[in-house]
Amino acid sequence: MSEKQVPAAAPASSFLGKAGPLVLARLLGAGLTFCIPFVLARVLGKEEYGTYFQLFLIATTLYYVLPFGVVQSLYYFLPRADEKRPWLGQTLLYMTGAGLVAGTLVWTLLGPVARQFNNPALLEFRAPLAAYTALLLAAFPLEISLTSQGRTKHSALVYAVSEVVRTAAMVVPCLSGFGLHGMMLAVAGFALVRFVAAWGVVPRGTGPLLRPGLWREQLVYAAPFGLAMALAIPQQNAHLYMVAGAVAPALYAVYRVGCSQLPLVDLLYTPTSEVLMVRLGELEKQGRLEEGVVAFREAAGKLAFAFLPFAAFLFAAAPEFIGTFYTAEYLAAVPIFRVSVLGVVFAILPMDGVLRARGHTRSILYSYLLKAAVTVPLVWVGVKQFGLMGAVVSWAVAEVVGKLSLLVRVPAALSTPEHPLRIRDVIPWRELSKASLAAGAAAASVFLLRAGTVHAWGGLPEGFLWRALPLALAGLLFGLGYVGVLYATGVRPLSVLASLRARRAG
């Protein structure tokens, strides 16, 4: 170890100042991503909308699997490196190669995939999809290279501009009447701009572009995470691929609407998990690991007060939500949507953060292996025997199995020889019970509101604002009910909100 004097830790406010631009940029990106499918659902026909989902299913699968953790490893290597350019150079070259592999895979395998999906229209987009996937992968290091060097403001600016341009590339051609063909050409152009920007920005710094010997070190570090992603992404998307091969594109569009994922979960879960990891590391260093279970229960309790009402409201107001944002044409997705929002509940316990902080990463890999082994037969039987509902229920069951496999490892990760723990010791029972009671009561009020006003809403004029009125009233009623029951049980929602904001900022 170096004998240089270690500088004092920067105050929390300095970290907050650095994180602020990134938080704002990600909020902007989440908001834009949230709006894109709603716009496309209104301007694309069902067949075209289903084809859009299938195209991006292929692209995003390759986008998350092929980096193999190499780009994310920059967070580890760059802060410790005297010469940063070799790490950046070899990462950019690797991702350019990964992009070429992805583009080649799309070009050569899109024909068999189109036959499997029973959608020959996919072949019309072979060239732009291959170009988009290849160039987007090659530009993957752009923002991460800046953030890992402490240039958070530059990274936030690049991220925000990129998200605005991406949204425009996806929405403007469709609104202008050019349809899915225009959109795919536009997003390929967007990816090209990112690729040029990446090669102009990333390979900067001191040292040569490449230095022999560093690549092996980077790959060894990245491999466990890369293997985990190679398991996790196909497993998570298995039901989407199975349904795409079993139904027509129009019906697939309905299924994808039902599987909509909202960005709130990642916006709260990820920073909470990261803060918990830091806290556990501090406690272990100070010889106070027995306090780790308190930190875990506190983090999970705060997430429970956010995620349980979020899931309960979406479950209760699913018809209003789908009808408002996707139009009444997609109301058949409501039962699927109600199952998929249960995934929000699964995120209450930040178990992966605990296991990573305590070095139990093999448990996470075993969880992915178990989920993959469970998912394949479950989804196959679910789709074949029960159709779309069978697919989404199979996904939910596999998620439960994966979460339980993590949960059984958490007590050991937080235990000390003097304080052995059991599963019941790590769960925040009080917070879960109060949040469940309040969310359940508020959800019941939404069901009662619908039962009493179902005929009145049928006479509303056309237009988004009028169609949003039932959802707005349901949200107001739910919010008042949830807060009221929390107050009755002794919980002060403002204090919970303040703690969540502090975690997100940190």
Protein backbone atom coordinates (compact mmCIF):
# COMPACT_ATOMS: atom_id res chain seq x y z
CA MET A 1 0.00 0.00 0.00
CA SER A 2 1.11 3.58 -0.58
CA GLU A 3 2.53 5.49 2.37
CA LYS A 4 1.21 8.80 1.10
CA GLN A 5 -1.01 10.64 3.49
CA VAL A 6 -4.63 9.97 2.72
CA PRO A 7 -6.59 13.20 2.42
CA ALA A 8 -9.55 13.73 4.64
CA ALA A 9 -12.86 12.63 3.25
CA ALA A 10 -14.71 15.32 1.42
CA PRO A 11 -17.77 16.63 3.16
CA ALA A 12 -21.13 15.21 2.19
CA SER A 13 -22.12 18.50 0.57
CA SER A 14 -19.26 18.19 -1.96
CA PHE A 15 -20.46 14.74 -2.97
CA LEU A 16 -24.00 16.09 -3.21
CA GLY A 17 -22.79 18.91 -5.42
CA LYS A 18 -21.09 16.45 -7.75
CA ALA A 19 -24.03 14.07 -7.86
CA GLY A 20 -26.63 16.80 -8.41
CA PRO A 21 -26.13 17.27 -12.18
CA LEU A 22 -26.17 13.51 -12.76
CA VAL A 23 -29.37 13.13 -10.75
CA LEU A 24 -31.04 15.91 -12.74
CA ALA A 25 -29.86 14.45 -16.05
CA ARG A 26 -31.16 11.00 -15.13
CA LEU A 27 -34.48 12.47 -14.03
CA LEU A 28 -34.75 14.15 -17.42
CA GLY A 29 -33.85 10.91 -19.18
CA ALA A 30 -36.34 8.93 -17.12
CA GLY A 31 -39.10 11.42 -17.90
CA LEU A 32 -38.40 11.33 -21.62
CA THR A 33 -38.16 7.53 -21.66
CA PHE A 34 -41.45 7.40 -19.77
CA CYS A 35 -43.19 9.47 -22.47
CA ILE A 36 -41.86 7.80 -25.64
CA PRO A 37 -44.09 4.69 -25.67
CA PHE A 38 -47.20 6.77 -24.95
CA VAL A 39 -46.58 8.94 -28.01
CA LEU A 40 -45.77 5.97 -30.25
CA ALA A 41 -48.89 4.10 -29.12
CA ARG A 42 -50.98 6.95 -30.52
CA VAL A 43 -49.27 7.37 -33.89
CA LEU A 44 -48.34 3.78 -34.80
CA GLY A 45 -50.80 1.04 -35.63
CA LYS A 46 -50.81 -2.05 -33.43
CA GLU A 47 -48.88 -4.16 -35.94
CA GLU A 48 -46.23 -1.47 -36.35
CA TYR A 49 -46.11 -0.86 -32.60
CA GLY A 50 -45.52 -4.56 -31.98
CA THR A 51 -42.76 -4.57 -34.61
CA TYR A 52 -41.16 -1.58 -32.87
CA PHE A 53 -41.06 -3.48 -29.58
CA GLN A 54 -39.53 -6.54 -31.26
CA LEU A 55 -36.81 -4.50 -32.97
CA PHE A 56 -35.75 -2.84 -29.75
CA LEU A 57 -35.97 -6.10 -27.81
CA ILE A 58 -33.24 -7.48 -30.07
CA ALA A 59 -31.12 -4.33 -29.85
CA THR A 60 -31.35 -3.90 -26.08
CA THR A 61 -30.54 -7.55 -25.40
CA LEU A 62 -27.26 -7.23 -27.29
CA TYR A 63 -26.62 -3.79 -25.80
CA TYR A 64 -26.66 -5.07 -22.22
CA VAL A 65 -24.98 -8.46 -22.77
CA LEU A 66 -22.02 -7.72 -25.06
CA PRO A 67 -20.28 -5.01 -22.95
CA PHE A 68 -19.45 -7.85 -20.50
CA GLY A 69 -18.82 -5.41 -17.66
CA VAL A 70 -15.78 -3.88 -19.39
CA VAL A 71 -17.15 -0.34 -19.55
CA GLN A 72 -18.41 -0.44 -15.95
CA SER A 73 -14.92 -1.51 -14.82
CA LEU A 74 -13.72 2.03 -15.61
CA TYR A 75 -15.30 3.10 -12.31
CA TYR A 76 -12.69 0.91 -10.60
CA PHE A 77 -9.59 1.45 -12.76
CA LEU A 78 -9.64 5.14 -13.75
CA PRO A 79 -9.64 6.66 -10.23
CA ARG A 80 -6.59 4.49 -9.42
CA ALA A 81 -4.68 5.01 -12.69
CA ASP A 82 -1.88 7.52 -13.28
CA GLU A 83 -2.28 7.08 -17.04
CA LYS A 84 -5.96 7.01 -17.91
CA ARG A 85 -5.76 6.97 -21.70
CA PRO A 86 -4.75 3.30 -22.07
CA TRP A 87 -7.78 2.16 -20.06
CA LEU A 88 -10.06 4.41 -22.08
CA GLY A 89 -8.48 3.39 -25.37
CA GLN A 90 -8.75 -0.35 -24.87
CA THR A 91 -12.32 0.01 -23.57
CA LEU A 92 -13.36 2.02 -26.61
CA LEU A 93 -11.67 -0.43 -28.97
CA TYR A 94 -13.34 -3.38 -27.23
CA MET A 95 -16.76 -1.75 -27.48
CA THR A 96 -16.19 -0.90 -31.14
CA GLY A 97 -15.43 -4.57 -31.72
CA ALA A 98 -18.49 -5.56 -29.69
CA GLY A 99 -20.55 -3.22 -31.86
CA LEU A 100 -19.27 -4.89 -35.01
CA VAL A 101 -20.18 -8.28 -33.55
CA ALA A 102 -23.66 -7.01 -32.64
CA GLY A 103 -24.25 -5.53 -36.08
CA THR A 104 -23.11 -8.76 -37.73
CA LEU A 105 -25.39 -10.83 -35.49
CA VAL A 106 -28.37 -8.62 -36.31
CA TRP A 107 -27.65 -8.77 -40.04
CA THR A 108 -27.19 -12.54 -40.19
CA LEU A 109 -29.75 -13.71 -37.63
CA LEU A 110 -32.64 -11.32 -38.22
CA GLY A 111 -34.05 -13.66 -40.87
CA PRO A 112 -34.39 -16.65 -38.49
CA VAL A 113 -35.65 -14.34 -35.74
CA ALA A 114 -38.29 -12.89 -38.07
CA ARG A 115 -39.46 -16.41 -38.90
CA GLN A 116 -39.54 -17.34 -35.21
CA PHE A 117 -41.54 -14.19 -34.44
CA ASN A 118 -43.83 -14.78 -37.44
CA ASN A 119 -43.14 -11.19 -38.47
CA PRO A 120 -41.48 -10.81 -41.91
CA ALA A 121 -41.79 -7.03 -41.54
CA LEU A 122 -38.70 -7.15 -39.30
CA LEU A 123 -36.55 -7.78 -42.38
CA GLU A 124 -37.46 -4.36 -43.75
CA PHE A 125 -35.38 -2.86 -40.94
CA ARG A 126 -32.30 -5.09 -41.17
CA ALA A 127 -29.85 -2.34 -42.19
CA PRO A 128 -30.94 0.43 -39.79
CA LEU A 129 -31.29 -2.00 -36.88
CA ALA A 130 -27.80 -3.44 -37.48
CA ALA A 131 -26.32 0.05 -37.77
CA TYR A 132 -28.17 1.33 -34.70
CA THR A 133 -27.13 -1.61 -32.52
CA ALA A 134 -23.49 -1.56 -33.67
CA LEU A 135 -22.98 2.18 -33.29
CA LEU A 136 -24.85 2.43 -29.99
CA LEU A 137 -22.69 -0.31 -28.47
CA ALA A 138 -19.51 1.28 -29.80
CA ALA A 139 -20.46 4.56 -28.10
CA PHE A 140 -21.33 2.91 -24.76
CA PRO A 141 -18.28 4.36 -22.89
CA LEU A 142 -19.16 8.00 -23.63
CA GLU A 143 -20.79 9.12 -20.36
CA ILE A 144 -19.12 6.54 -18.10
CA SER A 145 -15.65 7.65 -19.23
CA LEU A 146 -16.44 11.18 -18.03
CA THR A 147 -18.11 10.19 -14.77
CA SER A 148 -15.31 7.82 -13.76
CA GLN A 149 -12.83 10.69 -14.15
CA GLY A 150 -14.86 12.95 -11.86
CA ARG A 151 -16.16 15.10 -14.74
CA THR A 152 -19.74 14.72 -13.58
CA LYS A 153 -21.03 17.99 -15.00
CA HIS A 154 -19.72 17.12 -18.45
CA SER A 155 -21.16 13.62 -18.17
CA ALA A 156 -24.55 14.99 -17.10
CA LEU A 157 -24.58 17.45 -20.00
CA VAL A 158 -23.70 14.75 -22.53
CA TYR A 159 -26.31 12.41 -21.05
CA ALA A 160 -29.04 15.07 -21.08
CA VAL A 161 -28.33 16.19 -24.64
CA SER A 162 -28.14 12.57 -25.79
CA GLU A 163 -31.51 11.74 -24.21
CA VAL A 164 -33.18 14.76 -25.80
CA VAL A 165 -31.79 13.88 -29.25
CA ARG A 166 -32.72 10.21 -28.82
CA THR A 167 -36.28 11.13 -27.89
CA ALA A 168 -36.56 13.46 -30.87
CA ALA A 169 -35.19 10.75 -33.18
CA MET A 170 -37.84 8.31 -31.97
CA VAL A 171 -40.82 10.63 -31.82
CA VAL A 172 -40.47 13.33 -34.48
CA PRO A 173 -40.38 11.02 -37.55
CA CYS A 174 -43.51 9.21 -36.36
CA LEU A 175 -45.34 12.45 -35.63
CA SER A 176 -44.28 13.74 -39.06
CA GLY A 177 -45.87 10.79 -40.83
CA PHE A 178 -42.72 8.81 -41.67
CA GLY A 179 -43.70 5.93 -39.41
CA LEU A 180 -41.43 3.22 -38.10
CA HIS A 181 -39.15 3.35 -41.15
CA GLY A 182 -38.40 7.02 -40.54
CA MET A 183 -37.82 6.38 -36.84
CA MET A 184 -35.32 3.55 -37.44
CA LEU A 185 -33.32 5.68 -39.88
CA ALA A 186 -33.35 8.54 -37.37
CA VAL A 187 -32.15 6.42 -34.42
CA ALA A 188 -29.38 4.96 -36.60
CA GLY A 189 -28.30 8.53 -37.31
CA PHE A 190 -28.48 9.32 -33.60
CA ALA A 191 -26.24 6.33 -32.82
CA LEU A 192 -23.75 7.51 -35.46
CA VAL A 193 -23.55 10.94 -33.78
CA ARG A 194 -22.86 9.25 -30.42
CA PHE A 195 -20.18 7.06 -32.02
CA VAL A 196 -18.37 10.08 -33.48
CA ALA A 197 -18.69 11.91 -30.15
CA ALA A 198 -17.31 8.91 -28.24
CA TRP A 199 -14.19 8.73 -30.40
CA GLY A 200 -13.73 12.47 -30.03
CA VAL A 201 -14.17 12.57 -26.25
CA VAL A 202 -13.25 9.22 -24.69
CA PRO A 203 -9.62 8.56 -25.78
CA ARG A 204 -8.21 11.64 -24.08
CA GLY A 205 -5.77 11.92 -21.22
CA THR A 206 -2.17 10.99 -20.51
CA GLY A 207 -0.33 7.98 -21.87
CA PRO A 208 -0.57 5.94 -25.08
CA LEU A 209 -3.86 4.75 -26.51
CA LEU A 210 -2.94 1.14 -25.66
CA ARG A 211 -0.52 -0.40 -23.19
CA PRO A 212 0.27 -4.13 -23.22
CA GLY A 213 -0.76 -6.08 -20.13
CA LEU A 214 -3.66 -3.92 -18.99
CA TRP A 215 -6.36 -5.68 -20.99
CA ARG A 216 -6.05 -8.97 -19.10
CA GLU A 217 -6.35 -7.17 -15.77
CA GLN A 218 -9.46 -5.32 -16.91
CA LEU A 219 -11.09 -8.43 -18.33
CA VAL A 220 -10.44 -10.49 -15.18
CA TYR A 221 -12.08 -7.77 -13.09
CA ALA A 222 -15.05 -7.40 -15.45
CA ALA A 223 -15.74 -11.09 -16.08
CA PRO A 224 -17.93 -11.90 -13.02
CA PHE A 225 -20.24 -8.98 -13.70
CA GLY A 226 -20.25 -9.77 -17.41
CA LEU A 227 -21.20 -13.38 -16.77
CA ALA A 228 -23.98 -12.27 -14.44
CA MET A 229 -25.40 -9.95 -17.11
CA ALA A 230 -25.08 -12.67 -19.74
CA LEU A 231 -27.40 -14.73 -17.55
CA ALA A 232 -29.66 -12.00 -16.20
CA ILE A 233 -30.64 -10.19 -19.40
CA PRO A 234 -31.76 -13.24 -21.41
CA GLN A 235 -33.54 -14.57 -18.33
CA GLN A 236 -35.41 -11.32 -17.78
CA ASN A 237 -36.37 -11.12 -21.45
CA ALA A 238 -37.22 -14.81 -21.95
CA HIS A 239 -40.97 -14.26 -21.61
CA LEU A 240 -40.81 -11.42 -24.13
CA TYR A 241 -39.09 -13.61 -26.71
CA MET A 242 -41.43 -16.52 -26.06
CA VAL A 243 -44.54 -14.37 -26.49
CA ALA A 244 -43.09 -12.72 -29.61
CA GLY A 245 -42.77 -16.15 -31.18
CA ALA A 246 -46.26 -17.24 -30.18
CA VAL A 247 -48.53 -14.32 -31.14
CA ALA A 248 -48.98 -11.78 -33.93
CA PRO A 249 -47.21 -8.39 -33.64
CA ALA A 250 -50.47 -6.61 -32.78
CA LEU A 251 -51.10 -8.88 -29.80
CA TYR A 252 -47.44 -8.64 -28.84
CA ALA A 253 -47.90 -4.87 -28.62
CA VAL A 254 -50.68 -5.44 -26.08
CA TYR A 255 -48.43 -7.73 -24.05
CA ARG A 256 -45.57 -5.21 -24.04
CA VAL A 257 -47.91 -2.46 -22.88
CA GLY A 258 -48.92 -4.74 -20.02
CA CYS A 259 -45.25 -5.27 -19.14
CA SER A 260 -44.50 -1.54 -19.00
CA GLN A 261 -41.77 -0.68 -16.49
CA LEU A 262 -41.83 2.75 -14.88
CA PRO A 263 -38.56 4.52 -13.97
CA LEU A 264 -39.38 5.34 -10.33
CA VAL A 265 -38.08 2.00 -9.09
CA ASP A 266 -34.57 2.47 -10.48
CA LEU A 267 -34.47 6.11 -9.43
CA LEU A 268 -34.98 5.11 -5.78
CA TYR A 269 -33.65 1.57 -5.55
CA THR A 270 -30.22 2.09 -7.11
CA PRO A 271 -29.05 5.03 -4.95
CA THR A 272 -30.52 3.46 -1.82
CA SER A 273 -28.62 0.25 -2.51
CA GLU A 274 -25.41 2.18 -3.19
CA VAL A 275 -25.70 4.19 0.03
CA LEU A 276 -26.35 0.99 1.96
CA MET A 277 -23.23 -0.59 0.46
CA VAL A 278 -21.12 2.35 1.57
CA ARG A 279 -22.63 2.26 5.05
CA LEU A 280 -21.96 -1.45 5.47
CA GLY A 281 -18.36 -0.93 4.38
CA GLU A 282 -17.94 1.81 6.97
CA LEU A 283 -19.46 -0.31 9.74
CA GLU A 284 -17.24 -3.27 8.87
CA LYS A 285 -14.14 -1.08 8.90
CA GLN A 286 -15.12 0.31 12.31
CA GLY A 287 -15.76 -3.15 13.75
CA ARG A 288 -19.49 -2.46 14.13
CA LEU A 289 -20.88 -4.90 11.58
CA GLU A 290 -23.60 -6.00 14.00
CA GLU A 291 -25.27 -2.64 13.24
CA GLY A 292 -25.52 -3.57 9.56
CA VAL A 293 -28.87 -5.29 10.01
CA VAL A 294 -30.29 -2.03 11.38
CA ALA A 295 -29.06 -0.17 8.30
CA PHE A 296 -30.60 -2.83 6.05
CA ARG A 297 -33.97 -2.73 7.80
CA GLU A 298 -33.97 1.07 7.70
CA ALA A 299 -33.26 1.13 3.95
CA ALA A 300 -35.87 -1.54 3.24
CA GLY A 301 -38.43 0.21 5.44
CA LYS A 302 -38.04 3.49 3.56
CA LEU A 303 -38.37 1.71 0.22
CA ALA A 304 -41.49 -0.06 1.49
CA PHE A 305 -43.21 3.28 2.14
CA ALA A 306 -42.50 4.28 -1.49
CA PHE A 307 -42.86 1.05 -3.46
CA LEU A 308 -45.89 -0.53 -1.78
CA PRO A 309 -48.21 2.44 -2.46
CA PHE A 310 -46.77 2.82 -5.96
CA ALA A 311 -47.55 -0.81 -6.78
CA ALA A 312 -50.94 -0.71 -5.05
CA PHE A 313 -52.02 2.41 -6.94
CA LEU A 314 -50.96 1.04 -10.32
CA PHE A 315 -52.72 -2.24 -9.54
CA ALA A 316 -55.95 -0.50 -8.51
CA ALA A 317 -55.91 2.21 -11.19
CA ALA A 318 -54.61 0.00 -14.02
CA PRO A 319 -57.63 0.62 -16.32
CA GLU A 320 -57.34 4.38 -15.88
CA PHE A 321 -53.55 4.31 -16.36
CA ILE A 322 -53.63 2.19 -19.53
CA GLY A 323 -56.62 4.05 -20.96
CA THR A 324 -55.05 7.44 -20.33
CA PHE A 325 -51.54 6.85 -21.59
CA TYR A 326 -52.01 4.07 -24.16
CA THR A 327 -55.65 4.71 -25.19
CA ALA A 328 -58.63 2.39 -24.75
CA GLU A 329 -57.31 0.25 -27.63
CA TYR A 330 -54.88 -1.35 -25.16
CA LEU A 331 -57.23 -1.99 -22.23
CA ALA A 332 -56.78 -5.72 -22.82
CA ALA A 333 -53.33 -5.24 -21.27
CA VAL A 334 -54.78 -4.40 -17.83
CA PRO A 335 -54.61 -7.94 -16.33
CA ILE A 336 -51.03 -8.35 -17.56
CA PHE A 337 -50.10 -4.93 -16.20
CA ARG A 338 -51.49 -5.81 -12.77
CA VAL A 339 -49.20 -8.83 -12.56
CA SER A 340 -46.15 -6.96 -13.85
CA VAL A 341 -46.43 -4.17 -11.25
CA LEU A 342 -45.83 -6.78 -8.58
CA GLY A 343 -42.20 -6.50 -9.64
CA VAL A 344 -42.17 -3.16 -7.81
CA VAL A 345 -42.84 -4.99 -4.54
CA PHE A 346 -39.90 -7.32 -5.19
CA ALA A 347 -37.55 -4.31 -5.07
CA ILE A 348 -38.32 -3.40 -1.45
CA LEU A 349 -35.42 -5.40 0.00
CA PRO A 350 -32.02 -4.16 -1.36
CA MET A 351 -30.46 -7.60 -1.02
CA ASP A 352 -28.00 -7.46 -3.89
CA GLY A 353 -26.40 -4.37 -2.35
CA VAL A 354 -25.82 -6.22 0.93
CA LEU A 355 -24.31 -9.24 -0.78
CA ARG A 356 -22.03 -7.13 -2.97
CA ALA A 357 -20.90 -5.03 0.00
CA ARG A 358 -20.04 -8.15 2.00
CA GLY A 359 -18.27 -9.89 -0.89
CA HIS A 360 -20.97 -12.57 -1.38
CA THR A 361 -21.09 -12.00 -5.14
CA ARG A 362 -21.27 -15.72 -5.86
CA SER A 363 -24.69 -15.74 -4.21
CA ILE A 364 -25.88 -13.21 -6.79
CA LEU A 365 -24.49 -15.32 -9.63
CA TYR A 366 -26.16 -18.44 -8.18
CA SER A 367 -29.42 -16.51 -8.01
CA TYR A 368 -29.18 -15.67 -11.71
CA LEU A 369 -28.38 -19.30 -12.50
CA LEU A 370 -31.39 -20.49 -10.51
CA LYS A 371 -33.70 -17.96 -12.14
CA ALA A 372 -32.47 -18.95 -15.59
CA ALA A 373 -33.05 -22.63 -14.82
CA VAL A 374 -36.55 -21.91 -13.50
CA THR A 375 -37.54 -19.39 -16.17
CA VAL A 376 -37.13 -21.54 -19.29
CA PRO A 377 -39.57 -24.35 -18.38
CA LEU A 378 -41.94 -21.99 -16.57
CA VAL A 379 -42.27 -19.59 -19.49
CA TRP A 380 -42.52 -22.40 -22.04
CA VAL A 381 -45.35 -24.10 -20.14
CA GLY A 382 -46.98 -20.78 -19.23
CA VAL A 383 -47.18 -19.52 -22.81
CA LYS A 384 -48.18 -22.86 -24.31
CA GLN A 385 -50.89 -23.60 -21.75
CA PHE A 386 -52.13 -20.21 -20.57
CA GLY A 387 -51.16 -17.66 -23.22
CA LEU A 388 -50.20 -14.11 -22.30
CA MET A 389 -51.23 -14.37 -18.65
CA GLY A 390 -49.21 -17.56 -18.34
CA ALA A 391 -46.15 -15.73 -19.66
CA VAL A 392 -46.29 -12.83 -17.22
CA VAL A 393 -47.17 -15.05 -14.25
CA SER A 394 -44.22 -17.30 -15.13
CA TRP A 395 -41.95 -14.26 -15.13
CA ALA A 396 -43.30 -13.20 -11.72
CA VAL A 397 -42.80 -16.67 -10.24
CA ALA A 398 -39.20 -16.76 -11.50
CA GLU A 399 -38.57 -13.36 -9.94
CA VAL A 400 -39.94 -14.59 -6.59
CA VAL A 401 -37.65 -17.63 -6.73
CA GLY A 402 -34.66 -15.41 -7.47
CA LYS A 403 -35.45 -12.97 -4.67
CA LEU A 404 -35.96 -15.78 -2.16
CA SER A 405 -32.62 -17.28 -3.14
CA LEU A 406 -31.01 -13.93 -2.30
CA LEU A 407 -32.99 -13.46 0.90
CA VAL A 408 -31.78 -16.71 2.44
CA ARG A 409 -28.19 -15.45 2.01
CA VAL A 410 -28.71 -12.04 3.62
CA PRO A 411 -28.73 -13.17 7.30
CA ALA A 412 -25.33 -14.85 6.89
CA ALA A 413 -23.95 -11.76 5.14
CA LEU A 414 -25.01 -9.52 8.05
CA SER A 415 -24.26 -11.91 10.90
CA THR A 416 -21.29 -11.78 13.25
CA PRO A 417 -20.03 -14.60 15.49
CA GLU A 418 -21.61 -12.85 18.46
CA HIS A 419 -24.87 -11.96 16.68
CA PRO A 420 -26.10 -14.70 14.32
CA LEU A 421 -29.20 -13.66 12.37
CA ARG A 422 -32.20 -15.39 10.86
CA ILE A 423 -34.44 -14.29 8.02
CA ARG A 424 -37.06 -12.87 10.35
CA ASP A 425 -34.39 -10.63 11.91
CA VAL A 426 -33.59 -8.76 8.68
CA ILE A 427 -37.12 -7.93 7.53
CA PRO A 428 -38.63 -4.56 8.60
CA TRP A 429 -41.94 -6.02 9.76
CA ARG A 430 -43.31 -2.82 11.33
CA GLU A 431 -42.74 -0.66 8.25
CA LEU A 432 -44.05 -3.37 5.93
CA SER A 433 -47.24 -3.80 7.94
CA LYS A 434 -47.98 -0.08 8.16
CA ALA A 435 -47.22 0.57 4.50
CA SER A 436 -49.27 -2.46 3.44
CA LEU A 437 -52.25 -1.40 5.55
CA ALA A 438 -52.20 2.15 4.20
CA ALA A 439 -51.64 1.09 0.58
CA GLY A 440 -54.34 -1.58 0.76
CA ALA A 441 -56.90 0.83 2.22
CA ALA A 442 -56.08 3.48 -0.38
CA ALA A 443 -56.30 0.94 -3.21
CA ALA A 444 -59.72 -0.18 -1.96
CA SER A 445 -60.92 3.42 -2.21
CA VAL A 446 -59.89 3.50 -5.88
CA PHE A 447 -61.88 0.34 -6.60
CA LEU A 448 -64.90 1.88 -4.84
CA LEU A 449 -64.51 5.11 -6.83
CA ARG A 450 -64.53 3.17 -10.11
CA ALA A 451 -67.58 1.15 -9.09
CA GLY A 452 -69.50 4.35 -8.36
CA THR A 453 -68.45 6.36 -11.41
CA VAL A 454 -68.00 3.79 -14.18
CA HIS A 455 -71.03 5.01 -16.12
CA ALA A 456 -70.19 8.70 -15.67
CA TRP A 457 -66.73 8.35 -17.25
CA GLY A 458 -68.17 6.80 -20.39
CA GLY A 459 -69.66 10.13 -21.45
CA LEU A 460 -66.44 12.14 -21.27
CA PRO A 461 -65.34 13.94 -24.46
CA GLU A 462 -62.36 12.66 -26.43
CA GLY A 463 -58.94 14.12 -25.73
CA PHE A 464 -56.04 13.34 -23.42
CA LEU A 465 -56.95 15.82 -20.68
CA TRP A 466 -60.50 14.52 -20.39
CA ARG A 467 -59.31 10.91 -20.39
CA ALA A 468 -56.74 11.76 -17.72
CA LEU A 469 -59.45 13.07 -15.37
CA PRO A 470 -60.41 9.65 -13.91
CA LEU A 471 -56.74 8.83 -13.33
CA ALA A 472 -56.13 12.18 -11.66
CA LEU A 473 -59.12 11.75 -9.33
CA ALA A 474 -58.05 8.20 -8.52
CA GLY A 475 -54.55 9.44 -7.74
CA LEU A 476 -55.85 12.21 -5.50
CA LEU A 477 -58.13 9.84 -3.61
CA PHE A 478 -55.37 7.26 -3.25
CA GLY A 479 -52.86 9.82 -2.02
CA LEU A 480 -55.22 11.24 0.59
CA GLY A 481 -56.16 7.77 1.77
CA TYR A 482 -52.58 6.55 1.98
CA VAL A 483 -51.30 9.58 3.86
CA GLY A 484 -54.31 9.55 6.17
CA VAL A 485 -53.84 5.93 7.19
CA LEU A 486 -50.11 6.47 7.69
CA TYR A 487 -50.82 9.37 10.03
CA ALA A 488 -53.30 7.21 11.91
CA THR A 489 -50.60 4.57 12.44
CA GLY A 490 -48.07 7.13 13.66
CA VAL A 491 -46.00 7.50 10.47
CA ARG A 492 -45.11 10.98 9.24
CA PRO A 493 -44.90 10.82 5.41
CA LEU A 494 -42.85 14.02 5.10
CA SER A 495 -40.05 12.56 7.20
CA VAL A 496 -40.05 9.41 5.07
CA LEU A 497 -39.93 11.51 1.89
CA ALA A 498 -37.06 13.59 3.25
CA SER A 499 -35.01 10.48 4.01
CA LEU A 500 -35.63 9.08 0.52
CA ARG A 501 -34.54 12.34 -1.07
CA ALA A 502 -31.39 12.33 1.04
CA ARG A 503 -30.56 8.79 -0.07
CA ARG A 504 -31.18 9.59 -3.72
CA ALA A 505 -28.98 12.66 -3.57
CA GLY A 506 -26.18 10.87 -1.78
